[in-house]
N, C-alpha and C. Protein backbone atom coordinates (compact mmCIF):
# COMPACT_ATOMS: atom_id res chain seq x y z
N MET A 1 -13.30 9.86 10.16
CA MET A 1 -13.06 8.72 9.30
C MET A 1 -12.05 7.79 9.97
N THR A 2 -12.24 6.50 9.77
CA THR A 2 -11.25 5.54 10.28
C THR A 2 -10.04 5.54 9.35
N ARG A 3 -8.94 4.97 9.82
CA ARG A 3 -7.74 4.87 8.97
C ARG A 3 -8.05 4.05 7.72
N ARG A 4 -8.88 3.04 7.85
CA ARG A 4 -9.26 2.23 6.68
C ARG A 4 -10.04 3.08 5.67
N ASP A 5 -10.96 3.91 6.17
CA ASP A 5 -11.72 4.81 5.29
C ASP A 5 -10.78 5.80 4.60
N ILE A 6 -9.83 6.32 5.36
CA ILE A 6 -8.87 7.27 4.80
C ILE A 6 -8.03 6.60 3.72
N ARG A 7 -7.58 5.38 3.99
CA ARG A 7 -6.77 4.64 3.01
C ARG A 7 -7.59 4.36 1.75
N ASP A 8 -8.86 4.06 1.94
CA ASP A 8 -9.77 3.82 0.81
C ASP A 8 -9.85 5.08 -0.05
N ARG A 9 -9.99 6.22 0.59
CA ARG A 9 -10.06 7.50 -0.14
C ARG A 9 -8.75 7.76 -0.87
N ILE A 10 -7.62 7.50 -0.21
CA ILE A 10 -6.31 7.71 -0.85
C ILE A 10 -6.20 6.82 -2.08
N PHE A 11 -6.59 5.55 -1.95
CA PHE A 11 -6.55 4.64 -3.09
C PHE A 11 -7.36 5.20 -4.26
N LYS A 12 -8.57 5.67 -3.98
CA LYS A 12 -9.43 6.17 -5.05
C LYS A 12 -8.82 7.37 -5.75
N ILE A 13 -8.18 8.24 -4.98
CA ILE A 13 -7.56 9.42 -5.60
C ILE A 13 -6.34 9.01 -6.41
N VAL A 14 -5.49 8.13 -5.86
CA VAL A 14 -4.31 7.66 -6.59
C VAL A 14 -4.75 6.95 -7.88
N PHE A 15 -5.80 6.15 -7.79
CA PHE A 15 -6.33 5.47 -8.97
C PHE A 15 -6.81 6.49 -10.01
N THR A 16 -7.57 7.48 -9.58
CA THR A 16 -8.07 8.52 -10.49
C THR A 16 -6.94 9.26 -11.17
N LEU A 17 -5.88 9.52 -10.42
CA LEU A 17 -4.75 10.27 -10.98
C LEU A 17 -4.02 9.48 -12.07
N GLU A 18 -4.23 8.18 -12.11
CA GLU A 18 -3.63 7.35 -13.16
C GLU A 18 -4.15 7.77 -14.54
N PHE A 19 -5.32 8.37 -14.57
CA PHE A 19 -5.95 8.75 -15.83
C PHE A 19 -5.84 10.25 -16.12
N ASN A 20 -5.10 10.95 -15.29
CA ASN A 20 -4.94 12.40 -15.44
C ASN A 20 -3.46 12.75 -15.33
N ASP A 21 -3.08 13.85 -15.93
CA ASP A 21 -1.68 14.26 -15.83
C ASP A 21 -1.41 14.91 -14.48
N ALA A 22 -0.13 15.05 -14.16
CA ALA A 22 0.28 15.59 -12.86
C ALA A 22 -0.26 17.00 -12.63
N GLU A 23 -0.39 17.78 -13.69
CA GLU A 23 -0.88 19.14 -13.54
C GLU A 23 -2.33 19.16 -13.04
N GLY A 24 -3.06 18.11 -13.31
CA GLY A 24 -4.46 18.05 -12.89
C GLY A 24 -4.66 17.51 -11.49
N MET A 25 -3.56 17.24 -10.77
CA MET A 25 -3.69 16.63 -9.45
C MET A 25 -4.51 17.50 -8.49
N GLN A 26 -4.24 18.79 -8.44
CA GLN A 26 -4.98 19.64 -7.50
C GLN A 26 -6.46 19.67 -7.85
N ASP A 27 -6.78 19.68 -9.15
CA ASP A 27 -8.19 19.64 -9.55
C ASP A 27 -8.84 18.35 -9.07
N GLN A 28 -8.12 17.22 -9.20
CA GLN A 28 -8.66 15.94 -8.76
C GLN A 28 -8.85 15.92 -7.24
N LEU A 29 -7.89 16.49 -6.52
CA LEU A 29 -8.03 16.56 -5.06
C LEU A 29 -9.23 17.42 -4.67
N ASP A 30 -9.37 18.57 -5.32
CA ASP A 30 -10.52 19.44 -5.04
C ASP A 30 -11.83 18.72 -5.34
N PHE A 31 -11.87 18.01 -6.46
CA PHE A 31 -13.05 17.27 -6.86
C PHE A 31 -13.37 16.18 -5.84
N ALA A 32 -12.34 15.49 -5.36
CA ALA A 32 -12.53 14.39 -4.41
C ALA A 32 -13.09 14.86 -3.08
N PHE A 33 -12.86 16.12 -2.74
CA PHE A 33 -13.34 16.63 -1.46
C PHE A 33 -14.53 17.58 -1.59
N ASP A 34 -15.10 17.68 -2.77
CA ASP A 34 -16.23 18.58 -3.00
C ASP A 34 -17.47 18.03 -2.29
N PRO A 35 -17.98 18.72 -1.27
CA PRO A 35 -19.14 18.20 -0.53
C PRO A 35 -20.42 18.18 -1.36
N GLU A 36 -20.42 18.85 -2.49
CA GLU A 36 -21.60 18.87 -3.35
C GLU A 36 -21.69 17.63 -4.23
N MET A 37 -20.59 16.88 -4.32
CA MET A 37 -20.57 15.70 -5.19
C MET A 37 -21.17 14.52 -4.44
N PRO A 38 -22.12 13.82 -5.05
CA PRO A 38 -22.69 12.64 -4.39
C PRO A 38 -21.71 11.47 -4.43
N GLY A 39 -21.87 10.57 -3.47
CA GLY A 39 -21.05 9.37 -3.46
C GLY A 39 -21.65 8.31 -4.35
N ASP A 40 -21.11 7.09 -4.27
CA ASP A 40 -21.66 5.97 -5.02
C ASP A 40 -23.11 5.73 -4.58
N GLU A 41 -23.35 5.88 -3.30
CA GLU A 41 -24.68 5.79 -2.73
C GLU A 41 -24.86 7.04 -1.87
N GLU A 42 -26.09 7.34 -1.54
CA GLU A 42 -26.34 8.55 -0.76
C GLU A 42 -25.55 8.61 0.54
N ASP A 43 -25.38 7.45 1.19
CA ASP A 43 -24.73 7.45 2.50
C ASP A 43 -23.26 7.02 2.43
N ASP A 44 -22.65 7.05 1.27
CA ASP A 44 -21.26 6.63 1.12
C ASP A 44 -20.33 7.84 1.16
N PRO A 45 -19.68 8.07 2.31
CA PRO A 45 -18.78 9.22 2.40
C PRO A 45 -17.40 8.94 1.83
N LEU A 46 -17.17 7.72 1.36
CA LEU A 46 -15.81 7.35 0.96
C LEU A 46 -15.39 7.90 -0.39
N LEU A 47 -16.29 7.95 -1.33
CA LEU A 47 -15.89 8.46 -2.64
C LEU A 47 -15.84 9.98 -2.61
N TYR A 48 -16.88 10.57 -2.12
CA TYR A 48 -16.95 12.01 -1.99
C TYR A 48 -17.60 12.29 -0.65
N GLY A 49 -17.84 13.50 -0.37
CA GLY A 49 -18.54 13.83 0.86
C GLY A 49 -17.68 14.63 1.80
N ILE A 50 -18.24 14.90 2.94
CA ILE A 50 -17.59 15.78 3.91
C ILE A 50 -16.50 15.03 4.65
N VAL A 51 -15.34 15.65 4.72
CA VAL A 51 -14.17 15.09 5.38
C VAL A 51 -13.65 16.17 6.32
N SER A 52 -13.20 15.76 7.50
CA SER A 52 -12.66 16.76 8.44
C SER A 52 -11.40 17.39 7.84
N ASP A 53 -11.09 18.58 8.31
CA ASP A 53 -9.88 19.27 7.82
C ASP A 53 -8.64 18.44 8.10
N GLU A 54 -8.59 17.80 9.27
CA GLU A 54 -7.43 16.97 9.63
C GLU A 54 -7.28 15.79 8.67
N ASP A 55 -8.39 15.11 8.39
CA ASP A 55 -8.35 13.97 7.46
C ASP A 55 -8.01 14.44 6.05
N ARG A 56 -8.58 15.57 5.64
CA ARG A 56 -8.29 16.11 4.31
C ARG A 56 -6.80 16.41 4.18
N ASP A 57 -6.21 17.03 5.19
CA ASP A 57 -4.78 17.34 5.15
C ASP A 57 -3.94 16.07 5.08
N TYR A 58 -4.32 15.07 5.88
CA TYR A 58 -3.60 13.80 5.88
C TYR A 58 -3.68 13.13 4.51
N ILE A 59 -4.88 13.05 3.97
CA ILE A 59 -5.09 12.43 2.66
C ILE A 59 -4.31 13.18 1.58
N THR A 60 -4.45 14.49 1.55
CA THR A 60 -3.77 15.30 0.54
C THR A 60 -2.27 15.14 0.62
N THR A 61 -1.73 15.20 1.82
CA THR A 61 -0.28 15.04 2.00
C THR A 61 0.18 13.68 1.52
N LYS A 62 -0.55 12.64 1.90
CA LYS A 62 -0.14 11.29 1.52
C LYS A 62 -0.23 11.09 0.00
N VAL A 63 -1.29 11.58 -0.61
CA VAL A 63 -1.42 11.46 -2.07
C VAL A 63 -0.26 12.19 -2.75
N LYS A 64 0.03 13.40 -2.31
CA LYS A 64 1.13 14.16 -2.92
C LYS A 64 2.47 13.46 -2.71
N ASN A 65 2.66 12.85 -1.54
CA ASN A 65 3.90 12.11 -1.29
C ASN A 65 4.02 10.89 -2.20
N ILE A 66 2.92 10.18 -2.37
CA ILE A 66 2.94 9.01 -3.27
C ILE A 66 3.27 9.45 -4.69
N ILE A 67 2.63 10.51 -5.16
CA ILE A 67 2.86 10.98 -6.52
C ILE A 67 4.29 11.49 -6.67
N SER A 68 4.82 12.16 -5.66
CA SER A 68 6.19 12.68 -5.76
C SER A 68 7.22 11.55 -5.80
N LYS A 69 6.88 10.40 -5.25
CA LYS A 69 7.79 9.26 -5.25
C LYS A 69 7.37 8.19 -6.25
N LYS A 70 6.48 8.55 -7.17
CA LYS A 70 5.92 7.57 -8.10
C LYS A 70 7.00 6.84 -8.90
N ALA A 71 8.00 7.55 -9.39
CA ALA A 71 9.05 6.89 -10.18
C ALA A 71 9.81 5.88 -9.32
N GLU A 72 10.14 6.25 -8.09
CA GLU A 72 10.84 5.32 -7.19
C GLU A 72 9.95 4.13 -6.85
N ILE A 73 8.69 4.41 -6.55
CA ILE A 73 7.75 3.35 -6.20
C ILE A 73 7.56 2.40 -7.37
N ASP A 74 7.41 2.94 -8.57
CA ASP A 74 7.24 2.10 -9.76
C ASP A 74 8.48 1.25 -10.02
N GLU A 75 9.65 1.78 -9.75
CA GLU A 75 10.89 1.00 -9.90
C GLU A 75 10.89 -0.16 -8.91
N ILE A 76 10.47 0.09 -7.69
CA ILE A 76 10.39 -0.97 -6.69
C ILE A 76 9.39 -2.03 -7.13
N ILE A 77 8.23 -1.61 -7.62
CA ILE A 77 7.22 -2.56 -8.09
C ILE A 77 7.78 -3.38 -9.24
N SER A 78 8.49 -2.76 -10.15
CA SER A 78 9.11 -3.48 -11.28
C SER A 78 10.09 -4.53 -10.77
N GLN A 79 10.87 -4.18 -9.76
CA GLN A 79 11.87 -5.12 -9.22
C GLN A 79 11.22 -6.31 -8.53
N ILE A 80 10.17 -6.07 -7.76
CA ILE A 80 9.57 -7.18 -7.01
C ILE A 80 8.56 -7.98 -7.84
N SER A 81 8.15 -7.46 -8.96
CA SER A 81 7.17 -8.17 -9.80
C SER A 81 7.87 -8.78 -11.01
N GLU A 82 8.84 -9.62 -10.74
CA GLU A 82 9.62 -10.24 -11.81
C GLU A 82 8.70 -10.82 -12.88
N GLY A 83 8.97 -10.49 -14.11
CA GLY A 83 8.19 -11.00 -15.22
C GLY A 83 6.94 -10.18 -15.53
N TRP A 84 6.65 -9.19 -14.72
CA TRP A 84 5.48 -8.34 -14.95
C TRP A 84 5.96 -6.93 -15.24
N LYS A 85 5.61 -6.42 -16.38
CA LYS A 85 5.89 -5.02 -16.68
C LYS A 85 4.72 -4.20 -16.15
N LEU A 86 5.00 -2.98 -15.75
CA LEU A 86 3.95 -2.14 -15.14
C LEU A 86 2.69 -2.02 -16.00
N PRO A 87 2.81 -1.84 -17.33
CA PRO A 87 1.58 -1.72 -18.13
C PRO A 87 0.70 -2.98 -18.09
N ARG A 88 1.31 -4.11 -17.71
CA ARG A 88 0.56 -5.37 -17.66
C ARG A 88 -0.25 -5.50 -16.36
N ILE A 89 0.13 -4.74 -15.36
CA ILE A 89 -0.57 -4.78 -14.07
C ILE A 89 -1.82 -3.90 -14.19
N GLY A 90 -2.94 -4.41 -13.73
CA GLY A 90 -4.19 -3.65 -13.78
C GLY A 90 -4.08 -2.32 -13.05
N LYS A 91 -4.83 -1.34 -13.51
CA LYS A 91 -4.75 0.01 -12.91
C LYS A 91 -5.13 0.00 -11.43
N GLU A 92 -6.15 -0.79 -11.07
CA GLU A 92 -6.55 -0.86 -9.66
C GLU A 92 -5.42 -1.46 -8.83
N GLU A 93 -4.87 -2.59 -9.30
CA GLU A 93 -3.79 -3.25 -8.57
C GLU A 93 -2.58 -2.33 -8.45
N LEU A 94 -2.29 -1.60 -9.52
CA LEU A 94 -1.13 -0.71 -9.51
C LEU A 94 -1.32 0.41 -8.49
N ALA A 95 -2.51 0.98 -8.43
CA ALA A 95 -2.78 2.03 -7.43
C ALA A 95 -2.65 1.47 -6.01
N ILE A 96 -3.16 0.27 -5.80
CA ILE A 96 -3.05 -0.37 -4.48
C ILE A 96 -1.59 -0.65 -4.15
N LEU A 97 -0.84 -1.15 -5.12
CA LEU A 97 0.58 -1.42 -4.89
C LEU A 97 1.36 -0.14 -4.61
N ARG A 98 1.05 0.92 -5.32
CA ARG A 98 1.74 2.20 -5.06
C ARG A 98 1.48 2.66 -3.63
N LEU A 99 0.26 2.57 -3.19
CA LEU A 99 -0.07 2.94 -1.82
C LEU A 99 0.64 2.00 -0.83
N GLY A 100 0.58 0.70 -1.10
CA GLY A 100 1.22 -0.27 -0.21
C GLY A 100 2.72 -0.11 -0.14
N VAL A 101 3.36 0.05 -1.28
CA VAL A 101 4.82 0.24 -1.31
C VAL A 101 5.18 1.53 -0.58
N TYR A 102 4.42 2.58 -0.80
CA TYR A 102 4.70 3.84 -0.10
C TYR A 102 4.63 3.63 1.41
N GLU A 103 3.58 2.96 1.87
CA GLU A 103 3.42 2.77 3.31
C GLU A 103 4.52 1.89 3.89
N VAL A 104 4.92 0.86 3.17
CA VAL A 104 5.98 -0.04 3.66
C VAL A 104 7.33 0.67 3.68
N LYS A 105 7.65 1.36 2.60
CA LYS A 105 9.00 1.94 2.45
C LYS A 105 9.17 3.32 3.08
N TYR A 106 8.15 4.14 3.06
CA TYR A 106 8.33 5.54 3.41
C TYR A 106 7.51 6.05 4.60
N ASP A 107 6.50 5.31 5.03
CA ASP A 107 5.65 5.78 6.12
C ASP A 107 5.94 4.96 7.38
N GLU A 108 6.82 5.47 8.20
CA GLU A 108 7.25 4.74 9.39
C GLU A 108 6.15 4.67 10.46
N SER A 109 5.10 5.45 10.32
CA SER A 109 4.02 5.42 11.30
C SER A 109 3.10 4.22 11.12
N ILE A 110 3.26 3.50 10.01
CA ILE A 110 2.40 2.35 9.73
C ILE A 110 3.24 1.08 9.75
N PRO A 111 2.91 0.12 10.62
CA PRO A 111 3.65 -1.15 10.64
C PRO A 111 3.51 -1.87 9.30
N GLU A 112 4.58 -2.55 8.89
CA GLU A 112 4.58 -3.23 7.59
C GLU A 112 3.42 -4.20 7.46
N LYS A 113 3.14 -4.98 8.51
CA LYS A 113 2.05 -5.95 8.45
C LYS A 113 0.70 -5.27 8.22
N VAL A 114 0.51 -4.12 8.85
CA VAL A 114 -0.74 -3.37 8.67
C VAL A 114 -0.83 -2.87 7.23
N ALA A 115 0.25 -2.33 6.70
CA ALA A 115 0.26 -1.83 5.32
C ALA A 115 -0.09 -2.95 4.34
N ILE A 116 0.51 -4.12 4.54
CA ILE A 116 0.23 -5.26 3.66
C ILE A 116 -1.23 -5.69 3.79
N ASN A 117 -1.70 -5.87 5.02
CA ASN A 117 -3.07 -6.30 5.24
C ASN A 117 -4.08 -5.33 4.63
N GLU A 118 -3.85 -4.05 4.82
CA GLU A 118 -4.78 -3.05 4.28
C GLU A 118 -4.77 -3.04 2.75
N ALA A 119 -3.60 -3.23 2.16
CA ALA A 119 -3.52 -3.31 0.69
C ALA A 119 -4.27 -4.54 0.18
N VAL A 120 -4.12 -5.65 0.88
CA VAL A 120 -4.83 -6.88 0.49
C VAL A 120 -6.34 -6.67 0.60
N GLU A 121 -6.78 -6.00 1.65
CA GLU A 121 -8.21 -5.73 1.81
C GLU A 121 -8.74 -4.84 0.69
N LEU A 122 -7.96 -3.84 0.29
CA LEU A 122 -8.37 -3.00 -0.84
C LEU A 122 -8.47 -3.84 -2.11
N ALA A 123 -7.52 -4.74 -2.32
CA ALA A 123 -7.55 -5.59 -3.51
C ALA A 123 -8.78 -6.50 -3.50
N LYS A 124 -9.12 -7.04 -2.34
CA LYS A 124 -10.32 -7.88 -2.23
C LYS A 124 -11.57 -7.07 -2.56
N LYS A 125 -11.58 -5.82 -2.16
CA LYS A 125 -12.76 -4.97 -2.35
C LYS A 125 -12.92 -4.49 -3.79
N TYR A 126 -11.80 -4.16 -4.46
CA TYR A 126 -11.89 -3.48 -5.75
C TYR A 126 -11.40 -4.30 -6.95
N CYS A 127 -10.81 -5.45 -6.71
CA CYS A 127 -10.22 -6.21 -7.82
C CYS A 127 -10.78 -7.62 -7.85
N ASP A 128 -10.32 -8.42 -8.81
CA ASP A 128 -10.77 -9.81 -8.86
C ASP A 128 -10.07 -10.64 -7.78
N ALA A 129 -10.49 -11.89 -7.66
CA ALA A 129 -10.05 -12.74 -6.56
C ALA A 129 -8.54 -12.96 -6.51
N SER A 130 -7.90 -13.05 -7.66
CA SER A 130 -6.46 -13.33 -7.66
C SER A 130 -5.62 -12.10 -7.31
N ALA A 131 -6.19 -10.92 -7.40
CA ALA A 131 -5.43 -9.69 -7.16
C ALA A 131 -4.94 -9.59 -5.72
N SER A 132 -5.75 -10.02 -4.77
CA SER A 132 -5.33 -9.91 -3.37
C SER A 132 -4.11 -10.78 -3.10
N LYS A 133 -4.06 -11.95 -3.73
CA LYS A 133 -2.88 -12.82 -3.58
C LYS A 133 -1.66 -12.20 -4.24
N PHE A 134 -1.86 -11.58 -5.39
CA PHE A 134 -0.78 -10.92 -6.11
C PHE A 134 -0.22 -9.76 -5.28
N VAL A 135 -1.09 -8.93 -4.76
CA VAL A 135 -0.68 -7.78 -3.94
C VAL A 135 0.04 -8.28 -2.69
N ASN A 136 -0.52 -9.29 -2.03
CA ASN A 136 0.10 -9.84 -0.83
C ASN A 136 1.49 -10.38 -1.13
N ALA A 137 1.62 -11.13 -2.22
CA ALA A 137 2.91 -11.73 -2.56
C ALA A 137 3.97 -10.66 -2.84
N LEU A 138 3.61 -9.64 -3.60
CA LEU A 138 4.59 -8.60 -3.93
C LEU A 138 5.01 -7.80 -2.71
N LEU A 139 4.06 -7.41 -1.88
CA LEU A 139 4.42 -6.62 -0.70
C LEU A 139 5.18 -7.46 0.32
N ALA A 140 4.81 -8.73 0.45
CA ALA A 140 5.57 -9.62 1.35
C ALA A 140 7.00 -9.79 0.84
N LYS A 141 7.15 -9.89 -0.46
CA LYS A 141 8.49 -10.00 -1.05
C LYS A 141 9.30 -8.74 -0.77
N LEU A 142 8.67 -7.59 -0.88
CA LEU A 142 9.34 -6.33 -0.59
C LEU A 142 9.82 -6.30 0.86
N VAL A 143 8.96 -6.68 1.79
CA VAL A 143 9.31 -6.67 3.21
C VAL A 143 10.41 -7.68 3.50
N SER A 144 10.29 -8.89 2.95
CA SER A 144 11.33 -9.90 3.21
C SER A 144 12.65 -9.50 2.57
N GLY A 145 12.61 -8.85 1.42
CA GLY A 145 13.84 -8.37 0.78
C GLY A 145 14.50 -7.28 1.60
N ASP A 146 13.70 -6.41 2.19
CA ASP A 146 14.24 -5.35 3.06
C ASP A 146 14.88 -5.96 4.30
N LYS A 147 14.24 -6.99 4.86
CA LYS A 147 14.80 -7.64 6.06
C LYS A 147 16.10 -8.34 5.72
N ASP A 148 16.15 -8.99 4.54
CA ASP A 148 17.39 -9.66 4.11
C ASP A 148 18.52 -8.66 3.97
N LYS A 149 18.22 -7.48 3.39
CA LYS A 149 19.25 -6.44 3.23
C LYS A 149 19.74 -5.95 4.58
N LYS A 150 18.81 -5.75 5.52
CA LYS A 150 19.19 -5.27 6.85
C LYS A 150 20.06 -6.31 7.56
N GLU A 151 19.67 -7.59 7.45
CA GLU A 151 20.43 -8.64 8.12
C GLU A 151 21.81 -8.81 7.50
N SER A 152 21.91 -8.76 6.18
CA SER A 152 23.23 -8.90 5.54
C SER A 152 24.10 -7.68 5.83
N GLY A 153 23.49 -6.52 5.96
CA GLY A 153 24.23 -5.31 6.33
C GLY A 153 24.74 -5.41 7.76
N ALA A 154 23.92 -5.97 8.65
CA ALA A 154 24.34 -6.15 10.04
C ALA A 154 25.45 -7.18 10.14
N ASP A 155 25.37 -8.24 9.32
CA ASP A 155 26.42 -9.26 9.31
C ASP A 155 27.73 -8.67 8.82
N ALA A 156 27.66 -7.82 7.80
CA ALA A 156 28.88 -7.22 7.23
C ALA A 156 29.54 -6.27 8.23
N THR A 157 28.76 -5.55 9.00
CA THR A 157 29.35 -4.61 9.96
C THR A 157 29.87 -5.34 11.19
N ALA A 158 29.33 -6.52 11.47
CA ALA A 158 29.79 -7.29 12.63
C ALA A 158 31.14 -7.94 12.38
N GLU A 159 31.48 -8.15 11.13
CA GLU A 159 32.74 -8.84 10.81
C GLU A 159 33.92 -7.96 10.90
């Protein structure tokens, strides 16, 4: 699977978990990787289907990391989405934002620009037209806010 395919799978699992309690996470992960489950179309390996052990481990680890940091991630989303309460944000957009915020803040192996671009592409694929702009604006605000903090911290230590 490509990294984009993997990210798509992660989004779908994070989205599904929005409708299930934390105790059901392992069941959802098992369900998502069940090779007996058909995809949206016969040839669509993204929703279900056979995944390599390496990709399965990567996906599972990332999903569990996102869920373990959900409270922190949601707080970040609340801060950068001034005027928007989390329940007002669509479930698809929220799952995409959780993945995007996780990748920007906690996954150093993914460049910030790539994380933002991939989140925007997911929003274009799964949400309405305005969602991609919303996701882009919030994640760009997060990145620029982080850069401002780093620069002001560097200025303070230089003095």
